[in-house]
Amino acid sequence: MAIPKRRQSKTRSRKRRSHDAVKPVALQGCANCGQPTPSHTACPTCGYYMGRIVIEIED
């Protein structure tokens, strides 16, 4: 197994980890009710997905 010859600097490690940050969830408006919802998921407010009811929501 290979062993590092020199210690890796903090800068080098942090440059590599710069892409690991958690990105916010992209929200889109529901086509039926207009509420912001994550893309590719059924709307939790009205239950619609792709123009049809997928989840029955009780009022």
PDB file of N, CA and C in Angstrom:
ATOM      1  N   MET A   1       0.842  -1.181   0.000  1.00  0.00           N
ATOM      2  CA  MET A   1       0.000   0.000   0.000  1.00  0.00           C
ATOM      3  C   MET A   1       0.886   1.243   0.000  1.00  0.00           C
ATOM      4  N   ALA A   2       0.499   2.235  -0.784  1.00  0.00           N
ATOM      5  CA  ALA A   2       1.290   3.458  -0.887  1.00  0.00           C
ATOM      6  C   ALA A   2       1.135   4.316   0.361  1.00  0.00           C
ATOM      7  N   ILE A   3       2.222   4.955   0.751  1.00  0.00           N
ATOM      8  CA  ILE A   3       2.225   5.830   1.923  1.00  0.00           C
ATOM      9  C   ILE A   3       2.617   7.225   1.451  1.00  0.00           C
ATOM     10  N   PRO A   4       1.875   8.265   1.874  1.00  0.00           N
ATOM     11  CA  PRO A   4       2.214   9.621   1.448  1.00  0.00           C
ATOM     12  C   PRO A   4       3.603  10.025   1.949  1.00  0.00           C
ATOM     13  N   LYS A   5       4.375  10.662   1.074  1.00  0.00           N
ATOM     14  CA  LYS A   5       5.720  11.084   1.441  1.00  0.00           C
ATOM     15  C   LYS A   5       5.688  12.380   2.243  1.00  0.00           C
ATOM     16  N   ARG A   6       4.767  13.261   1.902  1.00  0.00           N
ATOM     17  CA  ARG A   6       4.652  14.545   2.596  1.00  0.00           C
ATOM     18  C   ARG A   6       3.210  14.763   3.051  1.00  0.00           C
ATOM     19  N   ARG A   7       3.072  15.576   4.081  1.00  0.00           N
ATOM     20  CA  ARG A   7       1.744  15.926   4.591  1.00  0.00           C
ATOM     21  C   ARG A   7       1.043  16.836   3.590  1.00  0.00           C
ATOM     22  N   GLN A   8      -0.248  16.583   3.379  1.00  0.00           N
ATOM     23  CA  GLN A   8      -1.020  17.430   2.466  1.00  0.00           C
ATOM     24  C   GLN A   8      -1.407  18.719   3.168  1.00  0.00           C
ATOM     25  N   SER A   9      -1.235  19.837   2.492  1.00  0.00           N
ATOM     26  CA  SER A   9      -1.535  21.125   3.112  1.00  0.00           C
ATOM     27  C   SER A   9      -3.045  21.308   3.285  1.00  0.00           C
ATOM     28  N   LYS A  10      -3.408  22.208   4.198  1.00  0.00           N
ATOM     29  CA  LYS A  10      -4.825  22.496   4.434  1.00  0.00           C
ATOM     30  C   LYS A  10      -5.474  23.061   3.173  1.00  0.00           C
ATOM     31  N   THR A  11      -4.738  23.886   2.447  1.00  0.00           N
ATOM     32  CA  THR A  11      -5.267  24.494   1.235  1.00  0.00           C
ATOM     33  C   THR A  11      -5.618  23.438   0.196  1.00  0.00           C
ATOM     34  N   ARG A  12      -4.732  22.477   0.018  1.00  0.00           N
ATOM     35  CA  ARG A  12      -4.964  21.430  -0.980  1.00  0.00           C
ATOM     36  C   ARG A  12      -6.186  20.589  -0.621  1.00  0.00           C
ATOM     37  N   SER A  13      -6.322  20.248   0.669  1.00  0.00           N
ATOM     38  CA  SER A  13      -7.468  19.457   1.117  1.00  0.00           C
ATOM     39  C   SER A  13      -8.763  20.242   0.957  1.00  0.00           C
ATOM     40  N   ARG A  14      -8.745  21.505   1.308  1.00  0.00           N
ATOM     41  CA  ARG A  14      -9.954  22.334   1.231  1.00  0.00           C
ATOM     42  C   ARG A  14     -10.358  22.629  -0.202  1.00  0.00           C
ATOM     43  N   LYS A  15      -9.389  22.728  -1.104  1.00  0.00           N
ATOM     44  CA  LYS A  15      -9.716  22.901  -2.525  1.00  0.00           C
ATOM     45  C   LYS A  15     -10.479  21.688  -3.048  1.00  0.00           C
ATOM     46  N   ARG A  16     -10.048  20.509  -2.626  1.00  0.00           N
ATOM     47  CA  ARG A  16     -10.704  19.282  -3.068  1.00  0.00           C
ATOM     48  C   ARG A  16     -12.126  19.205  -2.517  1.00  0.00           C
ATOM     49  N   ARG A  17     -12.317  19.677  -1.284  1.00  0.00           N
ATOM     50  CA  ARG A  17     -13.625  19.587  -0.635  1.00  0.00           C
ATOM     51  C   ARG A  17     -14.554  20.742  -1.001  1.00  0.00           C
ATOM     52  N   SER A  18     -14.129  21.642  -1.855  1.00  0.00           N
ATOM     53  CA  SER A  18     -14.949  22.808  -2.181  1.00  0.00           C
ATOM     54  C   SER A  18     -16.248  22.434  -2.885  1.00  0.00           C
ATOM     55  N   HIS A  19     -16.318  21.269  -3.500  1.00  0.00           N
ATOM     56  CA  HIS A  19     -17.517  20.844  -4.221  1.00  0.00           C
ATOM     57  C   HIS A  19     -18.448  19.997  -3.362  1.00  0.00           C
ATOM     58  N   ASP A  20     -18.116  19.758  -2.094  1.00  0.00           N
ATOM     59  CA  ASP A  20     -18.917  18.898  -1.227  1.00  0.00           C
ATOM     60  C   ASP A  20     -20.024  19.629  -0.486  1.00  0.00           C
ATOM     61  N   ALA A  21     -20.174  20.919  -0.691  1.00  0.00           N
ATOM     62  CA  ALA A  21     -21.178  21.699   0.034  1.00  0.00           C
ATOM     63  C   ALA A  21     -22.585  21.249  -0.368  1.00  0.00           C
ATOM     64  N   VAL A  22     -23.514  21.302   0.583  1.00  0.00           N
ATOM     65  CA  VAL A  22     -24.905  20.921   0.319  1.00  0.00           C
ATOM     66  C   VAL A  22     -25.585  22.058  -0.416  1.00  0.00           C
ATOM     67  N   LYS A  23     -26.175  21.757  -1.551  1.00  0.00           N
ATOM     68  CA  LYS A  23     -26.853  22.769  -2.352  1.00  0.00           C
ATOM     69  C   LYS A  23     -28.335  22.811  -1.992  1.00  0.00           C
ATOM     70  N   PRO A  24     -28.973  23.976  -2.048  1.00  0.00           N
ATOM     71  CA  PRO A  24     -30.401  24.053  -1.716  1.00  0.00           C
ATOM     72  C   PRO A  24     -31.253  23.309  -2.752  1.00  0.00           C
ATOM     73  N   VAL A  25     -32.386  22.802  -2.300  1.00  0.00           N
ATOM     74  CA  VAL A  25     -33.294  22.058  -3.170  1.00  0.00           C
ATOM     75  C   VAL A  25     -33.937  23.022  -4.160  1.00  0.00           C
ATOM     76  N   ALA A  26     -33.926  22.665  -5.441  1.00  0.00           N
ATOM     77  CA  ALA A  26     -34.537  23.500  -6.472  1.00  0.00           C
ATOM     78  C   ALA A  26     -36.049  23.329  -6.426  1.00  0.00           C
ATOM     79  N   LEU A  27     -36.771  24.429  -6.270  1.00  0.00           N
ATOM     80  CA  LEU A  27     -38.229  24.385  -6.204  1.00  0.00           C
ATOM     81  C   LEU A  27     -38.828  24.952  -7.478  1.00  0.00           C
ATOM     82  N   GLN A  28     -39.923  24.338  -7.924  1.00  0.00           N
ATOM     83  CA  GLN A  28     -40.669  24.826  -9.080  1.00  0.00           C
ATOM     84  C   GLN A  28     -42.118  24.992  -8.672  1.00  0.00           C
ATOM     85  N   GLY A  29     -42.822  25.865  -9.365  1.00  0.00           N
ATOM     86  CA  GLY A  29     -44.239  26.073  -9.073  1.00  0.00           C
ATOM     87  C   GLY A  29     -45.072  24.911  -9.593  1.00  0.00           C
ATOM     88  N   CYS A  30     -46.028  24.468  -8.791  1.00  0.00           N
ATOM     89  CA  CYS A  30     -46.936  23.391  -9.206  1.00  0.00           C
ATOM     90  C   CYS A  30     -47.798  23.900 -10.356  1.00  0.00           C
ATOM     91  N   ALA A  31     -47.984  23.086 -11.378  1.00  0.00           N
ATOM     92  CA  ALA A  31     -48.777  23.484 -12.540  1.00  0.00           C
ATOM     93  C   ALA A  31     -50.252  23.639 -12.189  1.00  0.00           C
ATOM     94  N   ASN A  32     -50.711  22.943 -11.150  1.00  0.00           N
ATOM     95  CA  ASN A  32     -52.127  22.980 -10.784  1.00  0.00           C
ATOM     96  C   ASN A  32     -52.441  24.110  -9.799  1.00  0.00           C
ATOM     97  N   CYS A  33     -51.706  24.169  -8.684  1.00  0.00           N
ATOM     98  CA  CYS A  33     -52.040  25.145  -7.634  1.00  0.00           C
ATOM     99  C   CYS A  33     -51.028  26.279  -7.507  1.00  0.00           C
ATOM    100  N   GLY A  34     -49.833  26.132  -8.073  1.00  0.00           N
ATOM    101  CA  GLY A  34     -48.841  27.196  -8.049  1.00  0.00           C
ATOM    102  C   GLY A  34     -47.922  27.193  -6.838  1.00  0.00           C
ATOM    103  N   GLN A  35     -48.117  26.269  -5.902  1.00  0.00           N
ATOM    104  CA  GLN A  35     -47.262  26.184  -4.721  1.00  0.00           C
ATOM    105  C   GLN A  35     -45.867  25.708  -5.121  1.00  0.00           C
ATOM    106  N   PRO A  36     -44.812  26.238  -4.490  1.00  0.00           N
ATOM    107  CA  PRO A  36     -43.456  25.757  -4.794  1.00  0.00           C
ATOM    108  C   PRO A  36     -43.256  24.330  -4.274  1.00  0.00           C
ATOM    109  N   THR A  37     -42.835  23.444  -5.155  1.00  0.00           N
ATOM    110  CA  THR A  37     -42.594  22.046  -4.808  1.00  0.00           C
ATOM    111  C   THR A  37     -41.294  21.586  -5.439  1.00  0.00           C
ATOM    112  N   PRO A  38     -40.618  20.582  -4.867  1.00  0.00           N
ATOM    113  CA  PRO A  38     -39.427  20.035  -5.518  1.00  0.00           C
ATOM    114  C   PRO A  38     -39.800  19.397  -6.857  1.00  0.00           C
ATOM    115  N   SER A  39     -38.911  19.499  -7.818  1.00  0.00           N
ATOM    116  CA  SER A  39     -39.193  18.927  -9.127  1.00  0.00           C
ATOM    117  C   SER A  39     -39.220  17.398  -9.063  1.00  0.00           C
ATOM    118  N   HIS A  40     -39.991  16.775  -9.918  1.00  0.00           N
ATOM    119  CA  HIS A  40     -40.148  15.322 -10.026  1.00  0.00           C
ATOM    120  C   HIS A  40     -40.770  14.695  -8.781  1.00  0.00           C
ATOM    121  N   THR A  41     -41.599  15.446  -8.067  1.00  0.00           N
ATOM    122  CA  THR A  41     -42.317  14.898  -6.925  1.00  0.00           C
ATOM    123  C   THR A  41     -43.763  15.379  -6.985  1.00  0.00           C
ATOM    124  N   ALA A  42     -44.665  14.619  -6.374  1.00  0.00           N
ATOM    125  CA  ALA A  42     -46.067  15.019  -6.317  1.00  0.00           C
ATOM    126  C   ALA A  42     -46.204  16.224  -5.398  1.00  0.00           C
ATOM    127  N   CYS A  43     -47.128  17.105  -5.721  1.00  0.00           N
ATOM    128  CA  CYS A  43     -47.347  18.306  -4.918  1.00  0.00           C
ATOM    129  C   CYS A  43     -47.975  17.914  -3.581  1.00  0.00           C
ATOM    130  N   PRO A  44     -47.355  18.281  -2.454  1.00  0.00           N
ATOM    131  CA  PRO A  44     -47.930  17.915  -1.161  1.00  0.00           C
ATOM    132  C   PRO A  44     -49.205  18.682  -0.834  1.00  0.00           C
ATOM    133  N   THR A  45     -49.459  19.811  -1.513  1.00  0.00           N
ATOM    134  CA  THR A  45     -50.638  20.625  -1.239  1.00  0.00           C
ATOM    135  C   THR A  45     -51.880  20.087  -1.936  1.00  0.00           C
ATOM    136  N   CYS A  46     -51.758  19.816  -3.245  1.00  0.00           N
ATOM    137  CA  CYS A  46     -52.939  19.389  -3.994  1.00  0.00           C
ATOM    138  C   CYS A  46     -52.880  17.927  -4.440  1.00  0.00           C
ATOM    139  N   GLY A  47     -51.704  17.290  -4.426  1.00  0.00           N
ATOM    140  CA  GLY A  47     -51.584  15.880  -4.781  1.00  0.00           C
ATOM    141  C   GLY A  47     -51.422  15.609  -6.266  1.00  0.00           C
ATOM    142  N   TYR A  48     -51.226  16.641  -7.069  1.00  0.00           N
ATOM    143  CA  TYR A  48     -51.091  16.456  -8.512  1.00  0.00           C
ATOM    144  C   TYR A  48     -49.637  16.203  -8.892  1.00  0.00           C
ATOM    145  N   TYR A  49     -49.453  15.389  -9.939  1.00  0.00           N
ATOM    146  CA  TYR A  49     -48.140  15.173 -10.541  1.00  0.00           C
ATOM    147  C   TYR A  49     -48.356  14.851 -12.008  1.00  0.00           C
ATOM    148  N   MET A  50     -47.701  15.576 -12.891  1.00  0.00           N
ATOM    149  CA  MET A  50     -47.804  15.381 -14.340  1.00  0.00           C
ATOM    150  C   MET A  50     -49.253  15.500 -14.826  1.00  0.00           C
ATOM    151  N   GLY A  51     -50.014  16.429 -14.247  1.00  0.00           N
ATOM    152  CA  GLY A  51     -51.371  16.705 -14.720  1.00  0.00           C
ATOM    153  C   GLY A  51     -52.450  15.765 -14.224  1.00  0.00           C
ATOM    154  N   ARG A  52     -52.157  14.881 -13.285  1.00  0.00           N
ATOM    155  CA  ARG A  52     -53.194  13.986 -12.749  1.00  0.00           C
ATOM    156  C   ARG A  52     -53.018  13.822 -11.244  1.00  0.00           C
ATOM    157  N   ILE A  53     -54.099  13.410 -10.567  1.00  0.00           N
ATOM    158  CA  ILE A  53     -54.048  13.231  -9.124  1.00  0.00           C
ATOM    159  C   ILE A  53     -53.309  11.942  -8.811  1.00  0.00           C
ATOM    160  N   VAL A  54     -52.288  12.053  -7.969  1.00  0.00           N
ATOM    161  CA  VAL A  54     -51.498  10.888  -7.569  1.00  0.00           C
ATOM    162  C   VAL A  54     -51.762  10.584  -6.092  1.00  0.00           C
ATOM    163  N   ILE A  55     -51.947  11.629  -5.292  1.00  0.00           N
ATOM    164  CA  ILE A  55     -52.186  11.477  -3.856  1.00  0.00           C
ATOM    165  C   ILE A  55     -53.534  12.112  -3.517  1.00  0.00           C
ATOM    166  N   GLU A  56     -54.362  11.388  -2.791  1.00  0.00           N
ATOM    167  CA  GLU A  56     -55.629  11.937  -2.330  1.00  0.00           C
ATOM    168  C   GLU A  56     -55.367  12.782  -1.090  1.00  0.00           C
ATOM    169  N   ILE A  57     -55.673  14.085  -1.178  1.00  0.00           N
ATOM    170  CA  ILE A  57     -55.470  15.004  -0.071  1.00  0.00           C
ATOM    171  C   ILE A  57     -56.821  15.308   0.568  1.00  0.00           C
ATOM    172  N   GLU A  58     -56.893  15.129   1.904  1.00  0.00           N
ATOM    173  CA  GLU A  58     -58.121  15.435   2.617  1.00  0.00           C
ATOM    174  C   GLU A  58     -58.126  16.908   3.019  1.00  0.00           C
ATOM    175  N   ASP A  59     -59.242  17.578   2.882  1.00  0.00           N
ATOM    176  CA  ASP A  59     -59.344  19.000   3.255  1.00  0.00           C
ATOM    177  C   ASP A  59     -59.650  19.171   4.710  1.00  0.00           C
TER     178      ASP A  59
END
